[in-house]
Amino acid sequence: MRAVIFANGHLEHPRDALNLIEPDDLVIAADGGARHCRTMGITPEWLVGDLDSLNQDEVRELKELGVEIINYSRDKDFTDLELAFLQARDAGATEIVVLGGFGDRWDMTISNLLLSTKSEFRELSVRLVDGPQETAIIRGGGKMTFSGQRGDVLSLIPLHQEAVGVNLTGLEYNLDDESLPVGTTKGISNVFVNDSATVSLKQGLLLCVIRRIRG
């Protein structure tokens, strides 16, 4: 099952976001992410968070639409997006797509990017998407194939420790069982030469960033 979570960041490409949602997706709003849902005419299954980004009229309107509201205290140890992740996982989701995960606050954006590295979410496949750009994290022993077209750009950023046993295919510069140390820029701005690219990793963590061309 796939869950689509609307976070309270920027959503620069709402039409692309709307086209991405499939009929069987479980839609969850993380607090102020509910505004994106209402703007796009989408009714989420759940509204999750401390609701400090919504006014009472907005919350009441969502309740009248049948949205189940899970309200947490503001004195909590989790961001609203993490609470939405937990809700998706407990509902049986194995894949999560986050929309509105990027914003003006760098602390929140970085936290959103790294959220899927928590051990609680190791079984989830997580992507943050905004129009032509997408991020995903691959753990050691993992493998991902990204769709695209010639000229699209894929960057690999090692996290925490050295990324060991990196294999890339479908790109201008393929890798065969190589290692990427933390801080290296060797994995930046690789280019698709086919309509897909595959990344696998033996040990470590890799942040994958895809930028798809337009036109």
N, C-alpha and C. Protein backbone atom coordinates (compact mmCIF):
# COMPACT_ATOMS: atom_id res chain seq x y z
N MET A 1 0.84 -1.19 0.00
CA MET A 1 0.00 0.00 0.00
C MET A 1 0.89 1.26 0.00
N ARG A 2 0.46 2.27 -0.74
CA ARG A 2 1.21 3.52 -0.79
C ARG A 2 0.44 4.62 -0.09
N ALA A 3 1.15 5.39 0.71
CA ALA A 3 0.57 6.56 1.36
C ALA A 3 1.17 7.82 0.76
N VAL A 4 0.33 8.80 0.51
CA VAL A 4 0.77 10.12 0.07
C VAL A 4 0.54 11.08 1.23
N ILE A 5 1.61 11.69 1.71
CA ILE A 5 1.52 12.59 2.86
C ILE A 5 1.78 14.02 2.39
N PHE A 6 0.83 14.91 2.71
CA PHE A 6 1.00 16.33 2.43
C PHE A 6 1.59 17.00 3.67
N ALA A 7 2.81 17.52 3.53
CA ALA A 7 3.45 18.26 4.60
C ALA A 7 3.16 19.75 4.42
N ASN A 8 3.63 20.55 5.38
CA ASN A 8 3.27 21.97 5.41
C ASN A 8 4.33 22.86 4.78
N GLY A 9 5.10 22.32 3.83
CA GLY A 9 6.09 23.14 3.13
C GLY A 9 5.54 23.67 1.83
N HIS A 10 6.45 24.08 0.96
CA HIS A 10 6.04 24.61 -0.34
C HIS A 10 5.61 23.46 -1.26
N LEU A 11 4.62 23.74 -2.07
CA LEU A 11 4.20 22.80 -3.12
C LEU A 11 4.22 23.60 -4.42
N GLU A 12 5.38 23.61 -5.06
CA GLU A 12 5.60 24.48 -6.21
C GLU A 12 4.91 23.99 -7.48
N HIS A 13 4.58 22.70 -7.52
CA HIS A 13 4.01 22.11 -8.74
C HIS A 13 2.76 21.31 -8.39
N PRO A 14 1.66 21.99 -8.03
CA PRO A 14 0.45 21.28 -7.60
C PRO A 14 -0.16 20.39 -8.68
N ARG A 15 -0.07 20.80 -9.95
CA ARG A 15 -0.64 19.96 -11.01
C ARG A 15 0.10 18.63 -11.10
N ASP A 16 1.44 18.68 -11.01
CA ASP A 16 2.22 17.45 -11.01
C ASP A 16 1.86 16.58 -9.81
N ALA A 17 1.66 17.23 -8.67
CA ALA A 17 1.31 16.49 -7.46
C ALA A 17 -0.04 15.79 -7.62
N LEU A 18 -1.00 16.49 -8.21
CA LEU A 18 -2.32 15.90 -8.41
C LEU A 18 -2.25 14.71 -9.35
N ASN A 19 -1.44 14.83 -10.39
CA ASN A 19 -1.30 13.72 -11.35
C ASN A 19 -0.59 12.52 -10.74
N LEU A 20 0.19 12.75 -9.71
CA LEU A 20 0.94 11.67 -9.09
C LEU A 20 0.06 10.77 -8.23
N ILE A 21 -1.02 11.32 -7.68
CA ILE A 21 -1.87 10.57 -6.75
C ILE A 21 -2.73 9.56 -7.51
N GLU A 22 -2.73 8.34 -7.00
CA GLU A 22 -3.49 7.25 -7.60
C GLU A 22 -4.73 6.92 -6.76
N PRO A 23 -5.77 6.32 -7.37
CA PRO A 23 -7.03 6.08 -6.65
C PRO A 23 -6.88 5.26 -5.36
N ASP A 24 -5.95 4.33 -5.33
CA ASP A 24 -5.79 3.48 -4.15
C ASP A 24 -4.86 4.04 -3.09
N ASP A 25 -4.29 5.22 -3.33
CA ASP A 25 -3.38 5.81 -2.35
C ASP A 25 -4.11 6.20 -1.07
N LEU A 26 -3.45 6.03 0.04
CA LEU A 26 -3.93 6.51 1.32
C LEU A 26 -3.37 7.92 1.51
N VAL A 27 -4.24 8.91 1.63
CA VAL A 27 -3.80 10.30 1.72
C VAL A 27 -3.88 10.79 3.16
N ILE A 28 -2.75 11.33 3.64
CA ILE A 28 -2.66 11.83 5.01
C ILE A 28 -2.17 13.27 4.96
N ALA A 29 -2.81 14.14 5.74
CA ALA A 29 -2.36 15.52 5.86
C ALA A 29 -1.63 15.68 7.18
N ALA A 30 -0.40 16.20 7.12
CA ALA A 30 0.36 16.52 8.33
C ALA A 30 0.12 17.98 8.65
N ASP A 31 -0.78 18.22 9.60
CA ASP A 31 -1.12 19.57 10.06
C ASP A 31 -1.43 20.50 8.89
N GLY A 32 -0.63 21.57 8.71
CA GLY A 32 -0.92 22.56 7.68
C GLY A 32 -0.88 22.03 6.26
N GLY A 33 -0.38 20.82 6.07
CA GLY A 33 -0.44 20.19 4.75
C GLY A 33 -1.87 20.00 4.27
N ALA A 34 -2.82 20.08 5.22
CA ALA A 34 -4.23 19.96 4.84
C ALA A 34 -4.66 21.08 3.91
N ARG A 35 -4.00 22.23 3.99
CA ARG A 35 -4.35 23.33 3.09
C ARG A 35 -4.05 22.98 1.64
N HIS A 36 -2.94 22.27 1.42
CA HIS A 36 -2.64 21.82 0.06
C HIS A 36 -3.75 20.89 -0.44
N CYS A 37 -4.19 20.00 0.44
CA CYS A 37 -5.27 19.07 0.05
C CYS A 37 -6.52 19.83 -0.36
N ARG A 38 -6.93 20.81 0.44
CA ARG A 38 -8.16 21.53 0.16
C ARG A 38 -8.01 22.35 -1.13
N THR A 39 -6.85 22.95 -1.36
CA THR A 39 -6.62 23.73 -2.58
C THR A 39 -6.74 22.85 -3.82
N MET A 40 -6.32 21.59 -3.69
CA MET A 40 -6.33 20.67 -4.82
C MET A 40 -7.62 19.86 -4.90
N GLY A 41 -8.55 20.08 -3.96
CA GLY A 41 -9.81 19.36 -3.97
C GLY A 41 -9.71 17.92 -3.51
N ILE A 42 -8.74 17.64 -2.63
CA ILE A 42 -8.50 16.29 -2.12
C ILE A 42 -8.93 16.22 -0.66
N THR A 43 -9.64 15.16 -0.30
CA THR A 43 -10.01 14.94 1.09
C THR A 43 -9.13 13.84 1.67
N PRO A 44 -8.28 14.17 2.64
CA PRO A 44 -7.41 13.15 3.21
C PRO A 44 -8.17 12.19 4.11
N GLU A 45 -7.59 11.03 4.31
CA GLU A 45 -8.16 10.05 5.24
C GLU A 45 -7.99 10.53 6.68
N TRP A 46 -6.77 11.04 6.96
CA TRP A 46 -6.45 11.52 8.31
C TRP A 46 -5.80 12.88 8.26
N LEU A 47 -6.05 13.66 9.30
CA LEU A 47 -5.30 14.87 9.60
C LEU A 47 -4.55 14.60 10.89
N VAL A 48 -3.22 14.70 10.83
CA VAL A 48 -2.38 14.30 11.96
C VAL A 48 -1.50 15.48 12.39
N GLY A 49 -1.40 15.71 13.69
CA GLY A 49 -0.48 16.74 14.18
C GLY A 49 -1.04 17.49 15.36
N ASP A 50 -0.32 18.56 15.75
CA ASP A 50 -0.80 19.38 16.88
C ASP A 50 -1.74 20.49 16.42
N LEU A 51 -1.94 20.61 15.10
CA LEU A 51 -2.91 21.52 14.49
C LEU A 51 -2.62 22.99 14.79
N ASP A 52 -1.35 23.34 15.03
CA ASP A 52 -1.02 24.73 15.30
C ASP A 52 -0.93 25.57 14.03
N SER A 53 -1.00 24.91 12.87
CA SER A 53 -0.91 25.64 11.60
C SER A 53 -2.28 25.85 10.95
N LEU A 54 -3.33 25.38 11.59
CA LEU A 54 -4.70 25.51 11.06
C LEU A 54 -5.57 26.26 12.05
N ASN A 55 -6.55 27.00 11.53
CA ASN A 55 -7.48 27.65 12.44
C ASN A 55 -8.69 26.74 12.71
N GLN A 56 -9.51 27.13 13.64
CA GLN A 56 -10.63 26.28 14.06
C GLN A 56 -11.62 26.04 12.93
N ASP A 57 -11.85 27.03 12.09
CA ASP A 57 -12.77 26.86 10.98
C ASP A 57 -12.26 25.81 9.99
N GLU A 58 -10.95 25.82 9.72
CA GLU A 58 -10.37 24.84 8.80
C GLU A 58 -10.48 23.43 9.37
N VAL A 59 -10.22 23.29 10.66
CA VAL A 59 -10.33 21.98 11.29
C VAL A 59 -11.77 21.50 11.27
N ARG A 60 -12.71 22.39 11.55
CA ARG A 60 -14.12 22.02 11.55
C ARG A 60 -14.58 21.60 10.15
N GLU A 61 -14.13 22.31 9.14
CA GLU A 61 -14.49 21.96 7.76
C GLU A 61 -13.99 20.56 7.40
N LEU A 62 -12.77 20.25 7.79
CA LEU A 62 -12.22 18.92 7.50
C LEU A 62 -12.99 17.84 8.23
N LYS A 63 -13.36 18.12 9.47
CA LYS A 63 -14.15 17.15 10.24
C LYS A 63 -15.49 16.90 9.58
N GLU A 64 -16.12 17.95 9.07
CA GLU A 64 -17.41 17.82 8.40
C GLU A 64 -17.31 17.02 7.11
N LEU A 65 -16.12 17.02 6.50
CA LEU A 65 -15.88 16.24 5.28
C LEU A 65 -15.61 14.77 5.58
N GLY A 66 -15.54 14.43 6.86
CA GLY A 66 -15.32 13.03 7.24
C GLY A 66 -13.88 12.67 7.50
N VAL A 67 -13.01 13.68 7.55
CA VAL A 67 -11.60 13.42 7.84
C VAL A 67 -11.45 13.04 9.31
N GLU A 68 -10.72 11.95 9.57
CA GLU A 68 -10.44 11.56 10.95
C GLU A 68 -9.28 12.39 11.45
N ILE A 69 -9.50 13.09 12.56
CA ILE A 69 -8.50 14.01 13.08
C ILE A 69 -7.81 13.39 14.29
N ILE A 70 -6.49 13.29 14.20
CA ILE A 70 -5.67 12.75 15.28
C ILE A 70 -4.84 13.90 15.82
N ASN A 71 -5.31 14.46 16.92
CA ASN A 71 -4.74 15.69 17.47
C ASN A 71 -3.75 15.37 18.59
N TYR A 72 -2.53 15.87 18.45
CA TYR A 72 -1.49 15.68 19.46
C TYR A 72 -1.24 16.98 20.20
N SER A 73 -0.73 16.87 21.40
CA SER A 73 -0.33 18.04 22.18
C SER A 73 0.85 18.73 21.50
N ARG A 74 0.93 20.05 21.67
CA ARG A 74 2.08 20.78 21.13
C ARG A 74 3.36 20.39 21.88
N ASP A 75 3.21 19.90 23.08
CA ASP A 75 4.36 19.45 23.87
C ASP A 75 4.67 18.00 23.51
N LYS A 76 5.31 17.82 22.35
CA LYS A 76 5.55 16.48 21.83
C LYS A 76 6.99 16.37 21.36
N ASP A 77 7.46 15.15 21.17
CA ASP A 77 8.85 14.90 20.79
C ASP A 77 8.99 14.55 19.30
N PHE A 78 7.95 14.79 18.51
CA PHE A 78 7.95 14.41 17.11
C PHE A 78 7.44 15.57 16.27
N THR A 79 7.95 15.70 15.05
CA THR A 79 7.34 16.65 14.12
C THR A 79 6.02 16.07 13.61
N ASP A 80 5.21 16.94 13.03
CA ASP A 80 3.94 16.46 12.47
C ASP A 80 4.17 15.46 11.35
N LEU A 81 5.24 15.66 10.57
CA LEU A 81 5.51 14.72 9.48
C LEU A 81 5.89 13.35 10.03
N GLU A 82 6.66 13.31 11.10
CA GLU A 82 7.00 12.01 11.68
C GLU A 82 5.76 11.30 12.20
N LEU A 83 4.85 12.05 12.80
CA LEU A 83 3.59 11.45 13.27
C LEU A 83 2.79 10.90 12.08
N ALA A 84 2.84 11.60 10.95
CA ALA A 84 2.15 11.11 9.75
C ALA A 84 2.81 9.84 9.23
N PHE A 85 4.15 9.77 9.29
CA PHE A 85 4.86 8.54 8.92
C PHE A 85 4.40 7.37 9.78
N LEU A 86 4.33 7.60 11.07
CA LEU A 86 3.90 6.54 11.99
C LEU A 86 2.48 6.09 11.68
N GLN A 87 1.61 7.05 11.36
CA GLN A 87 0.23 6.72 11.02
C GLN A 87 0.17 5.89 9.74
N ALA A 88 0.97 6.27 8.74
CA ALA A 88 1.00 5.52 7.49
C ALA A 88 1.53 4.11 7.70
N ARG A 89 2.62 4.00 8.46
CA ARG A 89 3.19 2.67 8.73
C ARG A 89 2.20 1.78 9.46
N ASP A 90 1.55 2.33 10.48
CA ASP A 90 0.61 1.52 11.27
C ASP A 90 -0.63 1.15 10.47
N ALA A 91 -0.93 1.92 9.41
CA ALA A 91 -2.07 1.61 8.54
C ALA A 91 -1.71 0.57 7.49
N GLY A 92 -0.44 0.16 7.46
CA GLY A 92 -0.02 -0.89 6.52
C GLY A 92 0.70 -0.41 5.29
N ALA A 93 1.04 0.87 5.23
CA ALA A 93 1.76 1.39 4.06
C ALA A 93 3.18 0.84 4.03
N THR A 94 3.65 0.51 2.84
CA THR A 94 5.03 0.09 2.64
C THR A 94 5.81 1.12 1.82
N GLU A 95 5.08 2.06 1.25
CA GLU A 95 5.69 3.11 0.43
C GLU A 95 5.06 4.44 0.81
N ILE A 96 5.88 5.48 0.90
CA ILE A 96 5.39 6.82 1.24
C ILE A 96 5.92 7.82 0.23
N VAL A 97 5.03 8.66 -0.25
CA VAL A 97 5.41 9.80 -1.08
C VAL A 97 5.05 11.06 -0.30
N VAL A 98 6.03 11.92 -0.08
CA VAL A 98 5.80 13.17 0.65
C VAL A 98 5.72 14.33 -0.34
N LEU A 99 4.66 15.09 -0.25
CA LEU A 99 4.48 16.30 -1.04
C LEU A 99 4.49 17.49 -0.08
N GLY A 100 5.12 18.59 -0.48
CA GLY A 100 5.22 19.74 0.41
C GLY A 100 6.26 19.54 1.50
N GLY A 101 7.29 18.75 1.22
CA GLY A 101 8.30 18.45 2.22
C GLY A 101 9.45 19.44 2.27
N PHE A 102 9.49 20.39 1.32
CA PHE A 102 10.56 21.38 1.26
C PHE A 102 10.01 22.76 1.57
N GLY A 103 10.80 23.61 2.22
CA GLY A 103 10.29 24.94 2.57
C GLY A 103 11.38 25.92 2.89
N ASP A 104 10.99 27.06 3.45
CA ASP A 104 11.93 28.13 3.78
C ASP A 104 12.82 27.77 4.96
N ARG A 105 12.30 26.95 5.87
CA ARG A 105 13.07 26.59 7.06
C ARG A 105 14.00 25.42 6.74
N TRP A 106 15.30 25.69 6.75
CA TRP A 106 16.28 24.67 6.42
C TRP A 106 16.26 23.55 7.45
N ASP A 107 16.04 23.87 8.72
CA ASP A 107 16.04 22.82 9.74
C ASP A 107 14.95 21.80 9.48
N MET A 108 13.76 22.29 9.13
CA MET A 108 12.65 21.37 8.86
C MET A 108 12.88 20.59 7.57
N THR A 109 13.41 21.26 6.56
CA THR A 109 13.67 20.58 5.29
C THR A 109 14.68 19.45 5.47
N ILE A 110 15.78 19.73 6.17
CA ILE A 110 16.79 18.69 6.40
C ILE A 110 16.22 17.56 7.24
N SER A 111 15.43 17.90 8.26
CA SER A 111 14.79 16.87 9.09
C SER A 111 13.87 16.00 8.24
N ASN A 112 13.11 16.62 7.35
CA ASN A 112 12.21 15.85 6.47
C ASN A 112 12.98 14.92 5.56
N LEU A 113 14.11 15.41 5.03
CA LEU A 113 14.92 14.60 4.12
C LEU A 113 15.48 13.36 4.82
N LEU A 114 15.85 13.53 6.10
CA LEU A 114 16.53 12.45 6.81
C LEU A 114 15.59 11.59 7.65
N LEU A 115 14.30 11.93 7.67
CA LEU A 115 13.37 11.22 8.54
C LEU A 115 13.34 9.72 8.27
N SER A 116 13.42 9.32 7.01
CA SER A 116 13.31 7.90 6.67
C SER A 116 14.53 7.09 7.09
N THR A 117 15.59 7.77 7.59
CA THR A 117 16.76 7.02 8.06
C THR A 117 16.53 6.42 9.45
N LYS A 118 15.47 6.83 10.14
CA LYS A 118 15.19 6.27 11.47
C LYS A 118 14.91 4.78 11.36
N SER A 119 15.35 4.04 12.36
CA SER A 119 15.19 2.58 12.33
C SER A 119 13.73 2.17 12.26
N GLU A 120 12.83 2.99 12.83
CA GLU A 120 11.40 2.67 12.80
C GLU A 120 10.84 2.60 11.39
N PHE A 121 11.53 3.27 10.45
CA PHE A 121 11.01 3.35 9.09
C PHE A 121 11.87 2.60 8.08
N ARG A 122 12.72 1.71 8.56
CA ARG A 122 13.65 1.03 7.67
C ARG A 122 12.94 0.15 6.63
N GLU A 123 11.72 -0.29 6.91
CA GLU A 123 11.00 -1.13 5.96
C GLU A 123 10.19 -0.32 4.96
N LEU A 124 10.19 1.00 5.10
CA LEU A 124 9.41 1.86 4.21
C LEU A 124 10.27 2.39 3.07
N SER A 125 9.69 2.45 1.89
CA SER A 125 10.30 3.12 0.76
C SER A 125 9.73 4.54 0.71
N VAL A 126 10.59 5.54 0.89
CA VAL A 126 10.13 6.92 1.05
C VAL A 126 10.72 7.81 -0.03
N ARG A 127 9.87 8.62 -0.65
CA ARG A 127 10.31 9.62 -1.63
C ARG A 127 9.71 10.97 -1.27
N LEU A 128 10.49 12.02 -1.39
CA LEU A 128 9.99 13.38 -1.30
C LEU A 128 9.99 13.95 -2.71
N VAL A 129 8.84 14.45 -3.15
CA VAL A 129 8.67 14.85 -4.54
C VAL A 129 8.14 16.28 -4.60
N ASP A 130 8.71 17.07 -5.50
CA ASP A 130 8.15 18.38 -5.84
C ASP A 130 8.40 18.62 -7.32
N GLY A 131 7.41 18.36 -8.12
CA GLY A 131 7.53 18.55 -9.56
C GLY A 131 8.63 17.71 -10.16
N PRO A 132 9.64 18.33 -10.81
CA PRO A 132 10.68 17.56 -11.49
C PRO A 132 11.75 17.01 -10.55
N GLN A 133 11.69 17.37 -9.27
CA GLN A 133 12.73 16.93 -8.35
C GLN A 133 12.19 15.91 -7.35
N GLU A 134 13.07 14.98 -6.99
CA GLU A 134 12.67 13.87 -6.10
C GLU A 134 13.89 13.45 -5.29
N THR A 135 13.66 13.06 -4.05
CA THR A 135 14.72 12.50 -3.23
C THR A 135 14.29 11.16 -2.66
N ALA A 136 15.27 10.31 -2.42
CA ALA A 136 15.03 9.02 -1.78
C ALA A 136 16.32 8.60 -1.09
N ILE A 137 16.19 7.76 -0.07
CA ILE A 137 17.36 7.26 0.65
C ILE A 137 17.45 5.75 0.48
N ILE A 138 18.65 5.28 0.15
CA ILE A 138 18.91 3.85 0.01
C ILE A 138 19.79 3.41 1.18
N ARG A 139 19.37 2.34 1.85
CA ARG A 139 20.16 1.74 2.94
C ARG A 139 21.05 0.63 2.39
N GLY A 140 22.07 0.29 3.18
CA GLY A 140 22.93 -0.82 2.81
C GLY A 140 22.13 -2.08 2.56
N GLY A 141 22.43 -2.76 1.45
CA GLY A 141 21.67 -3.93 1.05
C GLY A 141 20.49 -3.61 0.17
N GLY A 142 20.26 -2.32 -0.07
CA GLY A 142 19.10 -1.90 -0.85
C GLY A 142 19.41 -1.61 -2.30
N LYS A 143 18.35 -1.49 -3.08
CA LYS A 143 18.47 -1.23 -4.51
C LYS A 143 17.24 -0.47 -4.97
N MET A 144 17.43 0.53 -5.81
CA MET A 144 16.32 1.32 -6.34
C MET A 144 16.52 1.58 -7.82
N THR A 145 15.42 1.56 -8.57
CA THR A 145 15.44 1.95 -9.97
C THR A 145 14.58 3.19 -10.14
N PHE A 146 15.15 4.21 -10.75
CA PHE A 146 14.46 5.48 -10.95
C PHE A 146 14.14 5.66 -12.42
N SER A 147 12.89 6.01 -12.69
CA SER A 147 12.49 6.27 -14.07
C SER A 147 12.90 7.68 -14.46
N GLY A 148 13.11 7.88 -15.76
CA GLY A 148 13.48 9.20 -16.25
C GLY A 148 13.62 9.19 -17.75
N GLN A 149 14.45 10.07 -18.25
CA GLN A 149 14.74 10.13 -19.68
C GLN A 149 16.14 10.68 -19.86
N ARG A 150 16.65 10.55 -21.07
CA ARG A 150 18.01 11.01 -21.34
C ARG A 150 18.16 12.48 -20.96
N GLY A 151 19.21 12.78 -20.22
CA GLY A 151 19.45 14.16 -19.80
C GLY A 151 19.03 14.46 -18.38
N ASP A 152 18.17 13.61 -17.79
CA ASP A 152 17.82 13.79 -16.38
C ASP A 152 19.08 13.61 -15.52
N VAL A 153 19.07 14.22 -14.36
CA VAL A 153 20.27 14.23 -13.50
C VAL A 153 20.00 13.47 -12.21
N LEU A 154 20.95 12.62 -11.83
CA LEU A 154 20.90 11.88 -10.57
C LEU A 154 22.16 12.18 -9.78
N SER A 155 22.00 12.61 -8.53
CA SER A 155 23.13 12.84 -7.64
C SER A 155 23.06 11.92 -6.44
N LEU A 156 24.21 11.43 -6.01
CA LEU A 156 24.30 10.55 -4.85
C LEU A 156 25.12 11.24 -3.76
N ILE A 157 24.55 11.32 -2.56
CA ILE A 157 25.22 11.98 -1.45
C ILE A 157 25.33 10.99 -0.29
N PRO A 158 26.53 10.54 0.06
CA PRO A 158 26.69 9.60 1.17
C PRO A 158 26.34 10.29 2.50
N LEU A 159 25.71 9.53 3.39
CA LEU A 159 25.32 10.04 4.70
C LEU A 159 25.98 9.21 5.80
N HIS A 160 26.35 9.86 6.87
CA HIS A 160 26.78 9.22 8.12
C HIS A 160 28.17 8.59 8.02
N GLN A 161 28.32 7.58 7.17
CA GLN A 161 29.60 6.91 7.01
C GLN A 161 29.84 6.66 5.52
N GLU A 162 30.97 6.06 5.22
CA GLU A 162 31.29 5.75 3.83
C GLU A 162 30.23 4.84 3.22
N ALA A 163 29.81 5.16 2.00
CA ALA A 163 28.89 4.29 1.26
C ALA A 163 29.74 3.27 0.50
N VAL A 164 29.57 2.00 0.86
CA VAL A 164 30.43 0.92 0.35
C VAL A 164 29.66 0.05 -0.64
N GLY A 165 30.32 -0.30 -1.73
CA GLY A 165 29.70 -1.19 -2.70
C GLY A 165 28.60 -0.52 -3.49
N VAL A 166 28.89 0.66 -4.03
CA VAL A 166 27.91 1.40 -4.83
C VAL A 166 27.98 0.93 -6.27
N ASN A 167 26.82 0.57 -6.81
CA ASN A 167 26.72 0.18 -8.22
C ASN A 167 25.69 1.05 -8.91
N LEU A 168 26.08 1.59 -10.07
CA LEU A 168 25.18 2.43 -10.87
C LEU A 168 25.13 1.91 -12.29
N THR A 169 23.93 1.87 -12.84
CA THR A 169 23.76 1.55 -14.26
C THR A 169 22.74 2.51 -14.87
N GLY A 170 22.85 2.72 -16.17
CA GLY A 170 21.93 3.59 -16.88
C GLY A 170 22.33 5.04 -16.88
N LEU A 171 23.56 5.33 -16.43
CA LEU A 171 24.02 6.70 -16.30
C LEU A 171 25.28 6.94 -17.15
N GLU A 172 25.60 8.20 -17.34
CA GLU A 172 26.80 8.54 -18.12
C GLU A 172 28.06 7.98 -17.46
N TYR A 173 28.08 8.06 -16.12
CA TYR A 173 29.23 7.53 -15.38
C TYR A 173 28.73 6.44 -14.44
N ASN A 174 28.86 5.20 -14.87
CA ASN A 174 28.43 4.08 -14.05
C ASN A 174 29.50 3.74 -13.01
N LEU A 175 29.08 3.11 -11.93
CA LEU A 175 30.00 2.69 -10.88
C LEU A 175 29.86 1.18 -10.69
N ASP A 176 30.97 0.54 -10.38
CA ASP A 176 30.98 -0.91 -10.17
C ASP A 176 31.65 -1.22 -8.84
N ASP A 177 30.83 -1.43 -7.82
CA ASP A 177 31.31 -1.82 -6.49
C ASP A 177 32.32 -0.81 -5.94
N GLU A 178 31.99 0.48 -6.07
CA GLU A 178 32.88 1.53 -5.59
C GLU A 178 32.42 2.05 -4.23
N SER A 179 33.30 2.80 -3.57
CA SER A 179 32.99 3.41 -2.29
C SER A 179 32.97 4.93 -2.44
N LEU A 180 32.03 5.57 -1.72
CA LEU A 180 31.92 7.02 -1.73
C LEU A 180 32.03 7.51 -0.29
N PRO A 181 33.09 8.21 0.08
CA PRO A 181 33.22 8.71 1.45
C PRO A 181 32.30 9.89 1.70
N VAL A 182 31.95 10.09 2.97
CA VAL A 182 31.12 11.24 3.33
C VAL A 182 31.84 12.53 2.94
N GLY A 183 31.12 13.45 2.31
CA GLY A 183 31.68 14.73 1.89
C GLY A 183 32.15 14.77 0.46
N THR A 184 32.25 13.61 -0.19
CA THR A 184 32.70 13.61 -1.57
C THR A 184 31.65 14.22 -2.49
N THR A 185 32.11 14.81 -3.58
CA THR A 185 31.19 15.33 -4.60
C THR A 185 31.23 14.46 -5.86
N LYS A 186 31.86 13.30 -5.77
CA LYS A 186 32.00 12.42 -6.93
C LYS A 186 30.64 11.97 -7.48
N GLY A 187 29.64 11.86 -6.60
CA GLY A 187 28.34 11.36 -7.04
C GLY A 187 27.38 12.43 -7.52
N ILE A 188 27.84 13.67 -7.64
CA ILE A 188 26.94 14.77 -8.00
C ILE A 188 26.81 14.90 -9.52
N SER A 189 25.57 15.15 -9.95
CA SER A 189 25.26 15.53 -11.35
C SER A 189 25.64 14.46 -12.37
N ASN A 190 25.30 13.22 -12.09
CA ASN A 190 25.40 12.18 -13.10
C ASN A 190 24.17 12.28 -14.01
N VAL A 191 24.28 11.80 -15.23
CA VAL A 191 23.24 12.04 -16.23
C VAL A 191 22.69 10.73 -16.78
N PHE A 192 21.35 10.66 -16.87
CA PHE A 192 20.70 9.49 -17.47
C PHE A 192 21.09 9.37 -18.94
N VAL A 193 21.37 8.14 -19.37
CA VAL A 193 21.56 7.87 -20.79
C VAL A 193 20.48 6.93 -21.31
N ASN A 194 19.64 6.45 -20.42
CA ASN A 194 18.49 5.60 -20.77
C ASN A 194 17.25 6.15 -20.10
N ASP A 195 16.15 5.38 -20.13
CA ASP A 195 14.92 5.83 -19.50
C ASP A 195 14.80 5.36 -18.06
N SER A 196 15.87 4.79 -17.51
CA SER A 196 15.88 4.42 -16.10
C SER A 196 17.33 4.32 -15.63
N ALA A 197 17.51 4.44 -14.32
CA ALA A 197 18.82 4.29 -13.71
C ALA A 197 18.66 3.48 -12.44
N THR A 198 19.59 2.57 -12.19
CA THR A 198 19.51 1.70 -11.03
C THR A 198 20.70 1.94 -10.11
N VAL A 199 20.41 2.05 -8.81
CA VAL A 199 21.42 2.26 -7.79
C VAL A 199 21.31 1.14 -6.77
N SER A 200 22.43 0.51 -6.42
CA SER A 200 22.45 -0.46 -5.34
C SER A 200 23.60 -0.15 -4.40
N LEU A 201 23.48 -0.61 -3.16
CA LEU A 201 24.43 -0.25 -2.12
C LEU A 201 24.60 -1.43 -1.17
N LYS A 202 25.85 -1.74 -0.83
CA LYS A 202 26.11 -2.84 0.11
C LYS A 202 26.06 -2.38 1.57
N GLN A 203 26.72 -1.25 1.87
CA GLN A 203 26.77 -0.75 3.24
C GLN A 203 26.67 0.77 3.25
N GLY A 204 26.02 1.30 4.28
CA GLY A 204 25.94 2.74 4.45
C GLY A 204 24.57 3.30 4.10
N LEU A 205 24.55 4.60 3.85
CA LEU A 205 23.33 5.31 3.48
C LEU A 205 23.63 6.25 2.33
N LEU A 206 22.75 6.28 1.35
CA LEU A 206 22.90 7.18 0.21
C LEU A 206 21.63 8.01 0.05
N LEU A 207 21.80 9.33 -0.01
CA LEU A 207 20.70 10.21 -0.39
C LEU A 207 20.75 10.38 -1.90
N CYS A 208 19.68 9.99 -2.57
CA CYS A 208 19.58 10.11 -4.03
C CYS A 208 18.69 11.30 -4.37
N VAL A 209 19.17 12.16 -5.24
CA VAL A 209 18.41 13.34 -5.66
C VAL A 209 18.28 13.31 -7.18
N ILE A 210 17.05 13.32 -7.67
CA ILE A 210 16.78 13.28 -9.11
C ILE A 210 16.21 14.61 -9.56
N ARG A 211 16.72 15.14 -10.64
CA ARG A 211 16.17 16.34 -11.26
C ARG A 211 15.84 15.99 -12.71
N ARG A 212 14.55 16.00 -13.02
CA ARG A 212 14.10 15.62 -14.35
C ARG A 212 13.97 16.86 -15.22
N ILE A 213 14.39 16.73 -16.47
CA ILE A 213 14.31 17.85 -17.40
C ILE A 213 12.88 18.05 -17.83
N ARG A 214 12.58 19.24 -18.32
CA ARG A 214 11.24 19.58 -18.80
C ARG A 214 11.24 19.65 -20.31
N GLY A 215 10.02 19.50 -20.87
CA GLY A 215 9.90 19.69 -22.31
C GLY A 215 10.00 18.43 -23.09
